[in-house]
Amino acid sequence: MPIAPEDVVEALAVGDAHSPASLDAPIENGEQTSSRLDTVRDLRRDIAQTVDRAALEQLGATLSDRDWEVVRLRYQEDLLQREIAERVGVSQMQVSRILRDSVRRLRAAADEADVAFAP
């Protein structure tokens, strides 16, 4: 009875599961050498960013829609004040003032809610 190619591939994959590669095993990346551990994603950082984003969203409810959009464009999309001004339709100086006042209001709201805030 012939063996299907899929069965062979599956058997080989299962065989590798009994002796996994070390996370410290070196990986060649062109001129650099790193380990498998360097390729493992740190979910703790993702979770912390998600928590920070959720807290910021809640604090953002204290701002007007325009002010929130300016803060979002600056801190989430990392746009320059000039770029934000073009998108929102105000001057760069107004963006600067909006950011200053919005960050002050967000800090005050964070203090009231006892939430860490660092834009």
PDB file of N, CA and C in Angstrom:
ATOM      1  N   MET A   1       0.850  -1.173   0.000  1.00  0.00           N
ATOM      2  CA  MET A   1       0.000   0.000   0.000  1.00  0.00           C
ATOM      3  C   MET A   1       0.894   1.234   0.000  1.00  0.00           C
ATOM      4  N   PRO A   2       0.741   2.125  -0.989  1.00  0.00           N
ATOM      5  CA  PRO A   2       1.591   3.316  -1.071  1.00  0.00           C
ATOM      6  C   PRO A   2       1.227   4.338   0.017  1.00  0.00           C
ATOM      7  N   ILE A   3       2.230   5.094   0.423  1.00  0.00           N
ATOM      8  CA  ILE A   3       2.040   6.133   1.441  1.00  0.00           C
ATOM      9  C   ILE A   3       1.880   7.476   0.724  1.00  0.00           C
ATOM     10  N   ALA A   4       0.890   8.238   1.154  1.00  0.00           N
ATOM     11  CA  ALA A   4       0.623   9.546   0.545  1.00  0.00           C
ATOM     12  C   ALA A   4       1.724  10.533   0.952  1.00  0.00           C
ATOM     13  N   PRO A   5       2.127  11.423   0.050  1.00  0.00           N
ATOM     14  CA  PRO A   5       3.158  12.414   0.377  1.00  0.00           C
ATOM     15  C   PRO A   5       2.806  13.262   1.605  1.00  0.00           C
ATOM     16  N   GLU A   6       1.512  13.576   1.771  1.00  0.00           N
ATOM     17  CA  GLU A   6       1.085  14.367   2.933  1.00  0.00           C
ATOM     18  C   GLU A   6       1.387  13.628   4.236  1.00  0.00           C
ATOM     19  N   ASP A   7       1.216  12.305   4.237  1.00  0.00           N
ATOM     20  CA  ASP A   7       1.491  11.507   5.424  1.00  0.00           C
ATOM     21  C   ASP A   7       2.982  11.521   5.760  1.00  0.00           C
ATOM     22  N   VAL A   8       3.826  11.499   4.734  1.00  0.00           N
ATOM     23  CA  VAL A   8       5.284  11.547   4.947  1.00  0.00           C
ATOM     24  C   VAL A   8       5.672  12.885   5.563  1.00  0.00           C
ATOM     25  N   VAL A   9       5.143  13.963   5.006  1.00  0.00           N
ATOM     26  CA  VAL A   9       5.446  15.305   5.521  1.00  0.00           C
ATOM     27  C   VAL A   9       4.988  15.424   6.969  1.00  0.00           C
ATOM     28  N   GLU A  10       3.798  14.939   7.273  1.00  0.00           N
ATOM     29  CA  GLU A  10       3.269  15.001   8.636  1.00  0.00           C
ATOM     30  C   GLU A  10       4.132  14.179   9.587  1.00  0.00           C
ATOM     31  N   ALA A  11       4.558  13.003   9.164  1.00  0.00           N
ATOM     32  CA  ALA A  11       5.392  12.147  10.004  1.00  0.00           C
ATOM     33  C   ALA A  11       6.738  12.824  10.295  1.00  0.00           C
ATOM     34  N   LEU A  12       7.317  13.464   9.305  1.00  0.00           N
ATOM     35  CA  LEU A  12       8.588  14.167   9.516  1.00  0.00           C
ATOM     36  C   LEU A  12       8.412  15.331  10.484  1.00  0.00           C
ATOM     37  N   ALA A  13       7.298  16.054  10.362  1.00  0.00           N
ATOM     38  CA  ALA A  13       7.036  17.187  11.263  1.00  0.00           C
ATOM     39  C   ALA A  13       6.837  16.700  12.693  1.00  0.00           C
ATOM     40  N   VAL A  14       6.132  15.604  12.868  1.00  0.00           N
ATOM     41  CA  VAL A  14       5.911  15.046  14.204  1.00  0.00           C
ATOM     42  C   VAL A  14       7.236  14.579  14.803  1.00  0.00           C
ATOM     43  N   GLY A  15       8.094  14.035  13.982  1.00  0.00           N
ATOM     44  CA  GLY A  15       9.397  13.584  14.469  1.00  0.00           C
ATOM     45  C   GLY A  15      10.229  14.729  15.015  1.00  0.00           C
ATOM     46  N   ASP A  16      10.141  15.889  14.399  1.00  0.00           N
ATOM     47  CA  ASP A  16      10.878  17.059  14.888  1.00  0.00           C
ATOM     48  C   ASP A  16      10.348  17.561  16.224  1.00  0.00           C
ATOM     49  N   ALA A  17       9.100  17.275  16.542  1.00  0.00           N
ATOM     50  CA  ALA A  17       8.503  17.764  17.780  1.00  0.00           C
ATOM     51  C   ALA A  17       9.129  17.121  19.011  1.00  0.00           C
ATOM     52  N   HIS A  18       9.740  15.971  18.857  1.00  0.00           N
ATOM     53  CA  HIS A  18      10.340  15.281  19.994  1.00  0.00           C
ATOM     54  C   HIS A  18      11.696  15.861  20.372  1.00  0.00           C
ATOM     55  N   SER A  19      12.304  16.593  19.489  1.00  0.00           N
ATOM     56  CA  SER A  19      13.597  17.215  19.807  1.00  0.00           C
ATOM     57  C   SER A  19      13.618  18.635  19.226  1.00  0.00           C
ATOM     58  N   PRO A  20      12.943  19.558  19.914  1.00  0.00           N
ATOM     59  CA  PRO A  20      12.860  20.921  19.388  1.00  0.00           C
ATOM     60  C   PRO A  20      14.235  21.593  19.385  1.00  0.00           C
ATOM     61  N   ALA A  21      14.380  22.552  18.490  1.00  0.00           N
ATOM     62  CA  ALA A  21      15.635  23.297  18.399  1.00  0.00           C
ATOM     63  C   ALA A  21      15.767  24.231  19.601  1.00  0.00           C
ATOM     64  N   SER A  22      16.975  24.435  20.048  1.00  0.00           N
ATOM     65  CA  SER A  22      17.245  25.323  21.173  1.00  0.00           C
ATOM     66  C   SER A  22      16.965  26.770  20.784  1.00  0.00           C
ATOM     67  N   LEU A  23      16.418  27.534  21.725  1.00  0.00           N
ATOM     68  CA  LEU A  23      16.195  28.953  21.468  1.00  0.00           C
ATOM     69  C   LEU A  23      17.514  29.718  21.381  1.00  0.00           C
ATOM     70  N   ASP A  24      18.569  29.137  21.925  1.00  0.00           N
ATOM     71  CA  ASP A  24      19.880  29.768  21.859  1.00  0.00           C
ATOM     72  C   ASP A  24      20.643  29.406  20.588  1.00  0.00           C
ATOM     73  N   ALA A  25      20.063  28.570  19.745  1.00  0.00           N
ATOM     74  CA  ALA A  25      20.734  28.164  18.507  1.00  0.00           C
ATOM     75  C   ALA A  25      20.952  29.387  17.621  1.00  0.00           C
ATOM     76  N   PRO A  26      22.150  29.538  17.081  1.00  0.00           N
ATOM     77  CA  PRO A  26      22.426  30.709  16.244  1.00  0.00           C
ATOM     78  C   PRO A  26      21.694  30.657  14.906  1.00  0.00           C
ATOM     79  N   ILE A  27      21.328  31.843  14.436  1.00  0.00           N
ATOM     80  CA  ILE A  27      20.693  32.009  13.130  1.00  0.00           C
ATOM     81  C   ILE A  27      21.531  33.028  12.369  1.00  0.00           C
ATOM     82  N   GLU A  28      21.894  32.699  11.148  1.00  0.00           N
ATOM     83  CA  GLU A  28      22.660  33.618  10.311  1.00  0.00           C
ATOM     84  C   GLU A  28      21.704  34.592   9.619  1.00  0.00           C
ATOM     85  N   ASN A  29      21.944  35.879   9.789  1.00  0.00           N
ATOM     86  CA  ASN A  29      21.150  36.916   9.129  1.00  0.00           C
ATOM     87  C   ASN A  29      22.085  37.792   8.305  1.00  0.00           C
ATOM     88  N   GLY A  30      22.597  37.261   7.231  1.00  0.00           N
ATOM     89  CA  GLY A  30      23.552  38.029   6.430  1.00  0.00           C
ATOM     90  C   GLY A  30      24.860  38.148   7.186  1.00  0.00           C
ATOM     91  N   GLU A  31      25.195  39.375   7.588  1.00  0.00           N
ATOM     92  CA  GLU A  31      26.446  39.616   8.322  1.00  0.00           C
ATOM     93  C   GLU A  31      26.285  39.406   9.813  1.00  0.00           C
ATOM     94  N   GLN A  32      25.036  39.421  10.315  1.00  0.00           N
ATOM     95  CA  GLN A  32      24.795  39.309  11.750  1.00  0.00           C
ATOM     96  C   GLN A  32      24.411  37.893  12.135  1.00  0.00           C
ATOM     97  N   THR A  33      24.730  37.553  13.366  1.00  0.00           N
ATOM     98  CA  THR A  33      24.302  36.278  13.923  1.00  0.00           C
ATOM     99  C   THR A  33      23.432  36.585  15.132  1.00  0.00           C
ATOM    100  N   SER A  34      22.268  35.968  15.181  1.00  0.00           N
ATOM    101  CA  SER A  34      21.378  36.129  16.321  1.00  0.00           C
ATOM    102  C   SER A  34      20.910  34.745  16.744  1.00  0.00           C
ATOM    103  N   SER A  35      20.067  34.698  17.749  1.00  0.00           N
ATOM    104  CA  SER A  35      19.554  33.408  18.209  1.00  0.00           C
ATOM    105  C   SER A  35      18.068  33.313  17.869  1.00  0.00           C
ATOM    106  N   ARG A  36      17.533  32.110  17.982  1.00  0.00           N
ATOM    107  CA  ARG A  36      16.096  31.920  17.746  1.00  0.00           C
ATOM    108  C   ARG A  36      15.284  32.743  18.743  1.00  0.00           C
ATOM    109  N   LEU A  37      15.811  32.917  19.938  1.00  0.00           N
ATOM    110  CA  LEU A  37      15.116  33.691  20.966  1.00  0.00           C
ATOM    111  C   LEU A  37      14.870  35.126  20.498  1.00  0.00           C
ATOM    112  N   ASP A  38      15.783  35.659  19.688  1.00  0.00           N
ATOM    113  CA  ASP A  38      15.618  37.018  19.166  1.00  0.00           C
ATOM    114  C   ASP A  38      14.410  37.126  18.243  1.00  0.00           C
ATOM    115  N   THR A  39      13.952  36.015  17.707  1.00  0.00           N
ATOM    116  CA  THR A  39      12.809  36.037  16.786  1.00  0.00           C
ATOM    117  C   THR A  39      11.483  35.791  17.496  1.00  0.00           C
ATOM    118  N   VAL A  40      11.537  35.469  18.795  1.00  0.00           N
ATOM    119  CA  VAL A  40      10.314  35.216  19.563  1.00  0.00           C
ATOM    120  C   VAL A  40       9.733  36.557  20.002  1.00  0.00           C
ATOM    121  N   ARG A  41       8.477  36.744  19.722  1.00  0.00           N
ATOM    122  CA  ARG A  41       7.805  37.996  20.040  1.00  0.00           C
ATOM    123  C   ARG A  41       7.512  38.078  21.534  1.00  0.00           C
ATOM    124  N   ASP A  42       7.783  39.253  22.141  1.00  0.00           N
ATOM    125  CA  ASP A  42       7.516  39.467  23.561  1.00  0.00           C
ATOM    126  C   ASP A  42       6.082  39.974  23.714  1.00  0.00           C
ATOM    127  N   LEU A  43       5.180  39.084  24.074  1.00  0.00           N
ATOM    128  CA  LEU A  43       3.770  39.439  24.187  1.00  0.00           C
ATOM    129  C   LEU A  43       3.501  40.397  25.340  1.00  0.00           C
ATOM    130  N   ARG A  44       4.394  40.425  26.331  1.00  0.00           N
ATOM    131  CA  ARG A  44       4.197  41.347  27.453  1.00  0.00           C
ATOM    132  C   ARG A  44       4.194  42.788  26.960  1.00  0.00           C
ATOM    133  N   ARG A  45       5.074  43.089  26.012  1.00  0.00           N
ATOM    134  CA  ARG A  45       5.128  44.449  25.469  1.00  0.00           C
ATOM    135  C   ARG A  45       3.841  44.765  24.707  1.00  0.00           C
ATOM    136  N   ASP A  46       3.343  43.800  23.932  1.00  0.00           N
ATOM    137  CA  ASP A  46       2.092  43.996  23.199  1.00  0.00           C
ATOM    138  C   ASP A  46       0.930  44.246  24.162  1.00  0.00           C
ATOM    139  N   ILE A  47       0.900  43.493  25.248  1.00  0.00           N
ATOM    140  CA  ILE A  47      -0.161  43.652  26.243  1.00  0.00           C
ATOM    141  C   ILE A  47      -0.067  45.022  26.892  1.00  0.00           C
ATOM    142  N   ALA A  48       1.137  45.433  27.249  1.00  0.00           N
ATOM    143  CA  ALA A  48       1.313  46.745  27.870  1.00  0.00           C
ATOM    144  C   ALA A  48       0.884  47.860  26.924  1.00  0.00           C
ATOM    145  N   GLN A  49       1.222  47.729  25.652  1.00  0.00           N
ATOM    146  CA  GLN A  49       0.814  48.741  24.681  1.00  0.00           C
ATOM    147  C   GLN A  49      -0.702  48.770  24.525  1.00  0.00           C
ATOM    148  N   THR A  50      -1.333  47.613  24.569  1.00  0.00           N
ATOM    149  CA  THR A  50      -2.788  47.543  24.456  1.00  0.00           C
ATOM    150  C   THR A  50      -3.450  48.201  25.663  1.00  0.00           C
ATOM    151  N   VAL A  51      -2.914  47.942  26.841  1.00  0.00           N
ATOM    152  CA  VAL A  51      -3.448  48.555  28.059  1.00  0.00           C
ATOM    153  C   VAL A  51      -3.271  50.065  27.999  1.00  0.00           C
ATOM    154  N   ASP A  52      -2.088  50.514  27.579  1.00  0.00           N
ATOM    155  CA  ASP A  52      -1.831  51.952  27.451  1.00  0.00           C
ATOM    156  C   ASP A  52      -2.789  52.584  26.450  1.00  0.00           C
ATOM    157  N   ARG A  53      -2.989  51.919  25.326  1.00  0.00           N
ATOM    158  CA  ARG A  53      -3.873  52.449  24.284  1.00  0.00           C
ATOM    159  C   ARG A  53      -5.302  52.544  24.807  1.00  0.00           C
ATOM    160  N   ALA A  54      -5.750  51.531  25.552  1.00  0.00           N
ATOM    161  CA  ALA A  54      -7.115  51.543  26.098  1.00  0.00           C
ATOM    162  C   ALA A  54      -7.274  52.664  27.118  1.00  0.00           C
ATOM    163  N   ALA A  55      -6.268  52.843  27.968  1.00  0.00           N
ATOM    164  CA  ALA A  55      -6.320  53.922  28.962  1.00  0.00           C
ATOM    165  C   ALA A  55      -6.343  55.276  28.272  1.00  0.00           C
ATOM    166  N   LEU A  56      -5.533  55.432  27.236  1.00  0.00           N
ATOM    167  CA  LEU A  56      -5.491  56.696  26.509  1.00  0.00           C
ATOM    168  C   LEU A  56      -6.828  56.964  25.819  1.00  0.00           C
ATOM    169  N   GLU A  57      -7.450  55.929  25.268  1.00  0.00           N
ATOM    170  CA  GLU A  57      -8.759  56.087  24.634  1.00  0.00           C
ATOM    171  C   GLU A  57      -9.785  56.592  25.646  1.00  0.00           C
ATOM    172  N   GLN A  58      -9.760  56.036  26.854  1.00  0.00           N
ATOM    173  CA  GLN A  58     -10.700  56.465  27.886  1.00  0.00           C
ATOM    174  C   GLN A  58     -10.426  57.900  28.303  1.00  0.00           C
ATOM    175  N   LEU A  59      -9.156  58.234  28.473  1.00  0.00           N
ATOM    176  CA  LEU A  59      -8.800  59.598  28.849  1.00  0.00           C
ATOM    177  C   LEU A  59      -9.127  60.573  27.721  1.00  0.00           C
ATOM    178  N   GLY A  60      -9.027  60.093  26.494  1.00  0.00           N
ATOM    179  CA  GLY A  60      -9.304  60.931  25.338  1.00  0.00           C
ATOM    180  C   GLY A  60     -10.741  61.426  25.280  1.00  0.00           C
ATOM    181  N   ALA A  61     -11.630  60.774  26.006  1.00  0.00           N
ATOM    182  CA  ALA A  61     -13.027  61.210  26.036  1.00  0.00           C
ATOM    183  C   ALA A  61     -13.167  62.595  26.667  1.00  0.00           C
ATOM    184  N   THR A  62     -12.128  63.050  27.360  1.00  0.00           N
ATOM    185  CA  THR A  62     -12.160  64.379  27.967  1.00  0.00           C
ATOM    186  C   THR A  62     -11.840  65.469  26.950  1.00  0.00           C
ATOM    187  N   LEU A  63     -11.428  65.089  25.743  1.00  0.00           N
ATOM    188  CA  LEU A  63     -11.049  66.054  24.706  1.00  0.00           C
ATOM    189  C   LEU A  63     -12.138  66.167  23.641  1.00  0.00           C
ATOM    190  N   SER A  64     -12.117  67.279  22.926  1.00  0.00           N
ATOM    191  CA  SER A  64     -13.012  67.427  21.777  1.00  0.00           C
ATOM    192  C   SER A  64     -12.538  66.487  20.679  1.00  0.00           C
ATOM    193  N   ASP A  65     -13.379  66.252  19.703  1.00  0.00           N
ATOM    194  CA  ASP A  65     -13.005  65.364  18.594  1.00  0.00           C
ATOM    195  C   ASP A  65     -11.759  65.871  17.870  1.00  0.00           C
ATOM    196  N   ARG A  66     -11.694  67.178  17.622  1.00  0.00           N
ATOM    197  CA  ARG A  66     -10.541  67.745  16.919  1.00  0.00           C
ATOM    198  C   ARG A  66      -9.267  67.587  17.744  1.00  0.00           C
ATOM    199  N   ASP A  67      -9.352  67.909  19.034  1.00  0.00           N
ATOM    200  CA  ASP A  67      -8.174  67.805  19.893  1.00  0.00           C
ATOM    201  C   ASP A  67      -7.704  66.351  19.996  1.00  0.00           C
ATOM    202  N   TRP A  68      -8.665  65.421  20.109  1.00  0.00           N
ATOM    203  CA  TRP A  68      -8.310  64.003  20.174  1.00  0.00           C
ATOM    204  C   TRP A  68      -7.636  63.556  18.888  1.00  0.00           C
ATOM    205  N   GLU A  69      -8.144  64.031  17.755  1.00  0.00           N
ATOM    206  CA  GLU A  69      -7.548  63.667  16.464  1.00  0.00           C
ATOM    207  C   GLU A  69      -6.118  64.187  16.372  1.00  0.00           C
ATOM    208  N   VAL A  70      -5.872  65.394  16.859  1.00  0.00           N
ATOM    209  CA  VAL A  70      -4.517  65.954  16.847  1.00  0.00           C
ATOM    210  C   VAL A  70      -3.592  65.103  17.715  1.00  0.00           C
ATOM    211  N   VAL A  71      -4.046  64.737  18.906  1.00  0.00           N
ATOM    212  CA  VAL A  71      -3.234  63.897  19.805  1.00  0.00           C
ATOM    213  C   VAL A  71      -2.984  62.534  19.167  1.00  0.00           C
ATOM    214  N   ARG A  72      -4.015  61.953  18.587  1.00  0.00           N
ATOM    215  CA  ARG A  72      -3.873  60.650  17.945  1.00  0.00           C
ATOM    216  C   ARG A  72      -2.883  60.694  16.787  1.00  0.00           C
ATOM    217  N   LEU A  73      -2.986  61.709  15.960  1.00  0.00           N
ATOM    218  CA  LEU A  73      -2.069  61.831  14.823  1.00  0.00           C
ATOM    219  C   LEU A  73      -0.626  62.006  15.287  1.00  0.00           C
ATOM    220  N   ARG A  74      -0.449  62.726  16.386  1.00  0.00           N
ATOM    221  CA  ARG A  74       0.911  62.965  16.874  1.00  0.00           C
ATOM    222  C   ARG A  74       1.498  61.731  17.551  1.00  0.00           C
ATOM    223  N   TYR A  75       0.750  61.114  18.450  1.00  0.00           N
ATOM    224  CA  TYR A  75       1.326  60.057  19.282  1.00  0.00           C
ATOM    225  C   TYR A  75       1.067  58.644  18.779  1.00  0.00           C
ATOM    226  N   GLN A  76       0.041  58.436  17.985  1.00  0.00           N
ATOM    227  CA  GLN A  76      -0.194  57.102  17.446  1.00  0.00           C
ATOM    228  C   GLN A  76       0.345  56.965  16.035  1.00  0.00           C
ATOM    229  N   GLU A  77       0.188  58.010  15.225  1.00  0.00           N
ATOM    230  CA  GLU A  77       0.686  57.935  13.856  1.00  0.00           C
ATOM    231  C   GLU A  77       2.043  58.602  13.691  1.00  0.00           C
ATOM    232  N   ASP A  78       2.519  59.258  14.755  1.00  0.00           N
ATOM    233  CA  ASP A  78       3.856  59.860  14.787  1.00  0.00           C
ATOM    234  C   ASP A  78       4.063  60.893  13.668  1.00  0.00           C
ATOM    235  N   LEU A  79       3.031  61.681  13.399  1.00  0.00           N
ATOM    236  CA  LEU A  79       3.140  62.719  12.381  1.00  0.00           C
ATOM    237  C   LEU A  79       3.774  63.979  12.976  1.00  0.00           C
ATOM    238  N   LEU A  80       4.395  64.761  12.118  1.00  0.00           N
ATOM    239  CA  LEU A  80       4.948  66.051  12.521  1.00  0.00           C
ATOM    240  C   LEU A  80       3.814  67.054  12.679  1.00  0.00           C
ATOM    241  N   GLN A  81       4.050  68.107  13.462  1.00  0.00           N
ATOM    242  CA  GLN A  81       3.018  69.117  13.655  1.00  0.00           C
ATOM    243  C   GLN A  81       2.585  69.732  12.328  1.00  0.00           C
ATOM    244  N   ARG A  82       3.507  69.944  11.430  1.00  0.00           N
ATOM    245  CA  ARG A  82       3.197  70.494  10.108  1.00  0.00           C
ATOM    246  C   ARG A  82       2.237  69.572   9.355  1.00  0.00           C
ATOM    247  N   GLU A  83       2.494  68.265   9.419  1.00  0.00           N
ATOM    248  CA  GLU A  83       1.641  67.292   8.738  1.00  0.00           C
ATOM    249  C   GLU A  83       0.245  67.247   9.371  1.00  0.00           C
ATOM    250  N   ILE A  84       0.204  67.348  10.692  1.00  0.00           N
ATOM    251  CA  ILE A  84      -1.081  67.351  11.400  1.00  0.00           C
ATOM    252  C   ILE A  84      -1.874  68.595  11.008  1.00  0.00           C
ATOM    253  N   ALA A  85      -1.201  69.727  10.949  1.00  0.00           N
ATOM    254  CA  ALA A  85      -1.861  70.983  10.579  1.00  0.00           C
ATOM    255  C   ALA A  85      -2.517  70.872   9.211  1.00  0.00           C
ATOM    256  N   GLU A  86      -1.821  70.256   8.271  1.00  0.00           N
ATOM    257  CA  GLU A  86      -2.377  70.089   6.927  1.00  0.00           C
ATOM    258  C   GLU A  86      -3.615  69.198   6.948  1.00  0.00           C
ATOM    259  N   ARG A  87      -3.562  68.131   7.726  1.00  0.00           N
ATOM    260  CA  ARG A  87      -4.697  67.197   7.779  1.00  0.00           C
ATOM    261  C   ARG A  87      -5.915  67.797   8.473  1.00  0.00           C
ATOM    262  N   VAL A  88      -5.654  68.536   9.564  1.00  0.00           N
ATOM    263  CA  VAL A  88      -6.755  69.034  10.386  1.00  0.00           C
ATOM    264  C   VAL A  88      -7.262  70.381   9.876  1.00  0.00           C
ATOM    265  N   GLY A  89      -6.430  71.110   9.135  1.00  0.00           N
ATOM    266  CA  GLY A  89      -6.853  72.392   8.587  1.00  0.00           C
ATOM    267  C   GLY A  89      -6.635  73.565   9.519  1.00  0.00           C
ATOM    268  N   VAL A  90      -5.577  73.496  10.317  1.00  0.00           N
ATOM    269  CA  VAL A  90      -5.203  74.602  11.201  1.00  0.00           C
ATOM    270  C   VAL A  90      -3.723  74.901  10.979  1.00  0.00           C
ATOM    271  N   SER A  91      -3.213  75.937  11.642  1.00  0.00           N
ATOM    272  CA  SER A  91      -1.796  76.263  11.498  1.00  0.00           C
ATOM    273  C   SER A  91      -0.950  75.341  12.377  1.00  0.00           C
ATOM    274  N   GLN A  92       0.334  75.291  12.073  1.00  0.00           N
ATOM    275  CA  GLN A  92       1.259  74.493  12.882  1.00  0.00           C
ATOM    276  C   GLN A  92       1.290  75.020  14.313  1.00  0.00           C
ATOM    277  N   MET A  93       1.208  76.349  14.471  1.00  0.00           N
ATOM    278  CA  MET A  93       1.201  76.958  15.813  1.00  0.00           C
ATOM    279  C   MET A  93      -0.030  76.513  16.596  1.00  0.00           C
ATOM    280  N   GLN A  94      -1.183  76.426  15.929  1.00  0.00           N
ATOM    281  CA  GLN A  94      -2.394  75.956  16.605  1.00  0.00           C
ATOM    282  C   GLN A  94      -2.247  74.497  17.021  1.00  0.00           C
ATOM    283  N   VAL A  95      -1.621  73.690  16.174  1.00  0.00           N
ATOM    284  CA  VAL A  95      -1.383  72.289  16.531  1.00  0.00           C
ATOM    285  C   VAL A  95      -0.530  72.218  17.787  1.00  0.00           C
ATOM    286  N   SER A  96       0.502  73.049  17.845  1.00  0.00           N
ATOM    287  CA  SER A  96       1.376  73.078  19.016  1.00  0.00           C
ATOM    288  C   SER A  96       0.577  73.403  20.275  1.00  0.00           C
ATOM    289  N   ARG A  97      -0.282  74.406  20.188  1.00  0.00           N
ATOM    290  CA  ARG A  97      -1.107  74.801  21.348  1.00  0.00           C
ATOM    291  C   ARG A  97      -2.100  73.702  21.719  1.00  0.00           C
ATOM    292  N   ILE A  98      -2.724  73.110  20.695  1.00  0.00           N
ATOM    293  CA  ILE A  98      -3.686  72.029  20.948  1.00  0.00           C
ATOM    294  C   ILE A  98      -2.996  70.872  21.664  1.00  0.00           C
ATOM    295  N   LEU A  99      -1.810  70.490  21.196  1.00  0.00           N
ATOM    296  CA  LEU A  99      -1.079  69.390  21.835  1.00  0.00           C
ATOM    297  C   LEU A  99      -0.725  69.727  23.275  1.00  0.00           C
ATOM    298  N   ARG A 100      -0.201  70.939  23.492  1.00  0.00           N
ATOM    299  CA  ARG A 100       0.187  71.344  24.851  1.00  0.00           C
ATOM    300  C   ARG A 100      -1.013  71.292  25.792  1.00  0.00           C
ATOM    301  N   ASP A 101      -2.130  71.907  25.372  1.00  0.00           N
ATOM    302  CA  ASP A 101      -3.315  71.950  26.230  1.00  0.00           C
ATOM    303  C   ASP A 101      -3.940  70.567  26.400  1.00  0.00           C
ATOM    304  N   SER A 102      -3.953  69.778  25.338  1.00  0.00           N
ATOM    305  CA  SER A 102      -4.545  68.440  25.400  1.00  0.00           C
ATOM    306  C   SER A 102      -3.754  67.524  26.318  1.00  0.00           C
ATOM    307  N   VAL A 103      -2.433  67.574  26.207  1.00  0.00           N
ATOM    308  CA  VAL A 103      -1.595  66.745  27.083  1.00  0.00           C
ATOM    309  C   VAL A 103      -1.791  67.162  28.531  1.00  0.00           C
ATOM    310  N   ARG A 104      -1.912  68.462  28.784  1.00  0.00           N
ATOM    311  CA  ARG A 104      -2.160  68.938  30.145  1.00  0.00           C
ATOM    312  C   ARG A 104      -3.496  68.386  30.665  1.00  0.00           C
ATOM    313  N   ARG A 105      -4.541  68.442  29.821  1.00  0.00           N
ATOM    314  CA  ARG A 105      -5.859  67.927  30.237  1.00  0.00           C
ATOM    315  C   ARG A 105      -5.830  66.414  30.429  1.00  0.00           C
ATOM    316  N   LEU A 106      -5.117  65.712  29.551  1.00  0.00           N
ATOM    317  CA  LEU A 106      -5.008  64.256  29.689  1.00  0.00           C
ATOM    318  C   LEU A 106      -4.281  63.879  30.978  1.00  0.00           C
ATOM    319  N   ARG A 107      -3.221  64.623  31.298  1.00  0.00           N
ATOM    320  CA  ARG A 107      -2.501  64.353  32.560  1.00  0.00           C
ATOM    321  C   ARG A 107      -3.398  64.586  33.764  1.00  0.00           C
ATOM    322  N   ALA A 108      -4.165  65.667  33.733  1.00  0.00           N
ATOM    323  CA  ALA A 108      -5.082  65.955  34.840  1.00  0.00           C
ATOM    324  C   ALA A 108      -6.129  64.849  34.971  1.00  0.00           C
ATOM    325  N   ALA A 109      -6.669  64.401  33.841  1.00  0.00           N
ATOM    326  CA  ALA A 109      -7.662  63.314  33.866  1.00  0.00           C
ATOM    327  C   ALA A 109      -7.029  62.025  34.364  1.00  0.00           C
ATOM    328  N   ALA A 110      -5.782  61.776  33.983  1.00  0.00           N
ATOM    329  CA  ALA A 110      -5.081  60.568  34.437  1.00  0.00           C
ATOM    330  C   ALA A 110      -4.835  60.630  35.937  1.00  0.00           C
ATOM    331  N   ASP A 111      -4.462  61.808  36.433  1.00  0.00           N
ATOM    332  CA  ASP A 111      -4.255  61.961  37.880  1.00  0.00           C
ATOM    333  C   ASP A 111      -5.548  61.701  38.635  1.00  0.00           C
ATOM    334  N   GLU A 112      -6.658  62.230  38.120  1.00  0.00           N
ATOM    335  CA  GLU A 112      -7.952  61.999  38.759  1.00  0.00           C
ATOM    336  C   GLU A 112      -8.329  60.537  38.766  1.00  0.00           C
ATOM    337  N   ALA A 113      -8.040  59.844  37.671  1.00  0.00           N
ATOM    338  CA  ALA A 113      -8.395  58.429  37.546  1.00  0.00           C
ATOM    339  C   ALA A 113      -7.314  57.526  38.117  1.00  0.00           C
ATOM    340  N   ASP A 114      -6.222  58.120  38.601  1.00  0.00           N
ATOM    341  CA  ASP A 114      -5.082  57.362  39.143  1.00  0.00           C
ATOM    342  C   ASP A 114      -4.538  56.374  38.114  1.00  0.00           C
ATOM    343  N   VAL A 115      -4.302  56.899  36.886  1.00  0.00           N
ATOM    344  CA  VAL A 115      -3.794  56.108  35.773  1.00  0.00           C
ATOM    345  C   VAL A 115      -2.454  56.700  35.367  1.00  0.00           C
ATOM    346  N   ALA A 116      -1.473  55.857  35.091  1.00  0.00           N
ATOM    347  CA  ALA A 116      -0.176  56.330  34.612  1.00  0.00           C
ATOM    348  C   ALA A 116      -0.351  56.866  33.194  1.00  0.00           C
ATOM    349  N   PHE A 117       0.237  58.050  32.931  1.00  0.00           N
ATOM    350  CA  PHE A 117       0.127  58.658  31.610  1.00  0.00           C
ATOM    351  C   PHE A 117       1.445  59.288  31.241  1.00  0.00           C
ATOM    352  N   ALA A 118       2.011  58.863  30.107  1.00  0.00           N
ATOM    353  CA  ALA A 118       3.254  59.447  29.618  1.00  0.00           C
ATOM    354  C   ALA A 118       3.239  59.442  28.100  1.00  0.00           C
ATOM    355  N   PRO A 119       2.793  60.545  27.499  1.00  0.00           N
ATOM    356  CA  PRO A 119       2.740  60.577  26.030  1.00  0.00           C
ATOM    357  C   PRO A 119       4.120  60.548  25.404  1.00  0.00           C
TER     358      PRO A 119
END
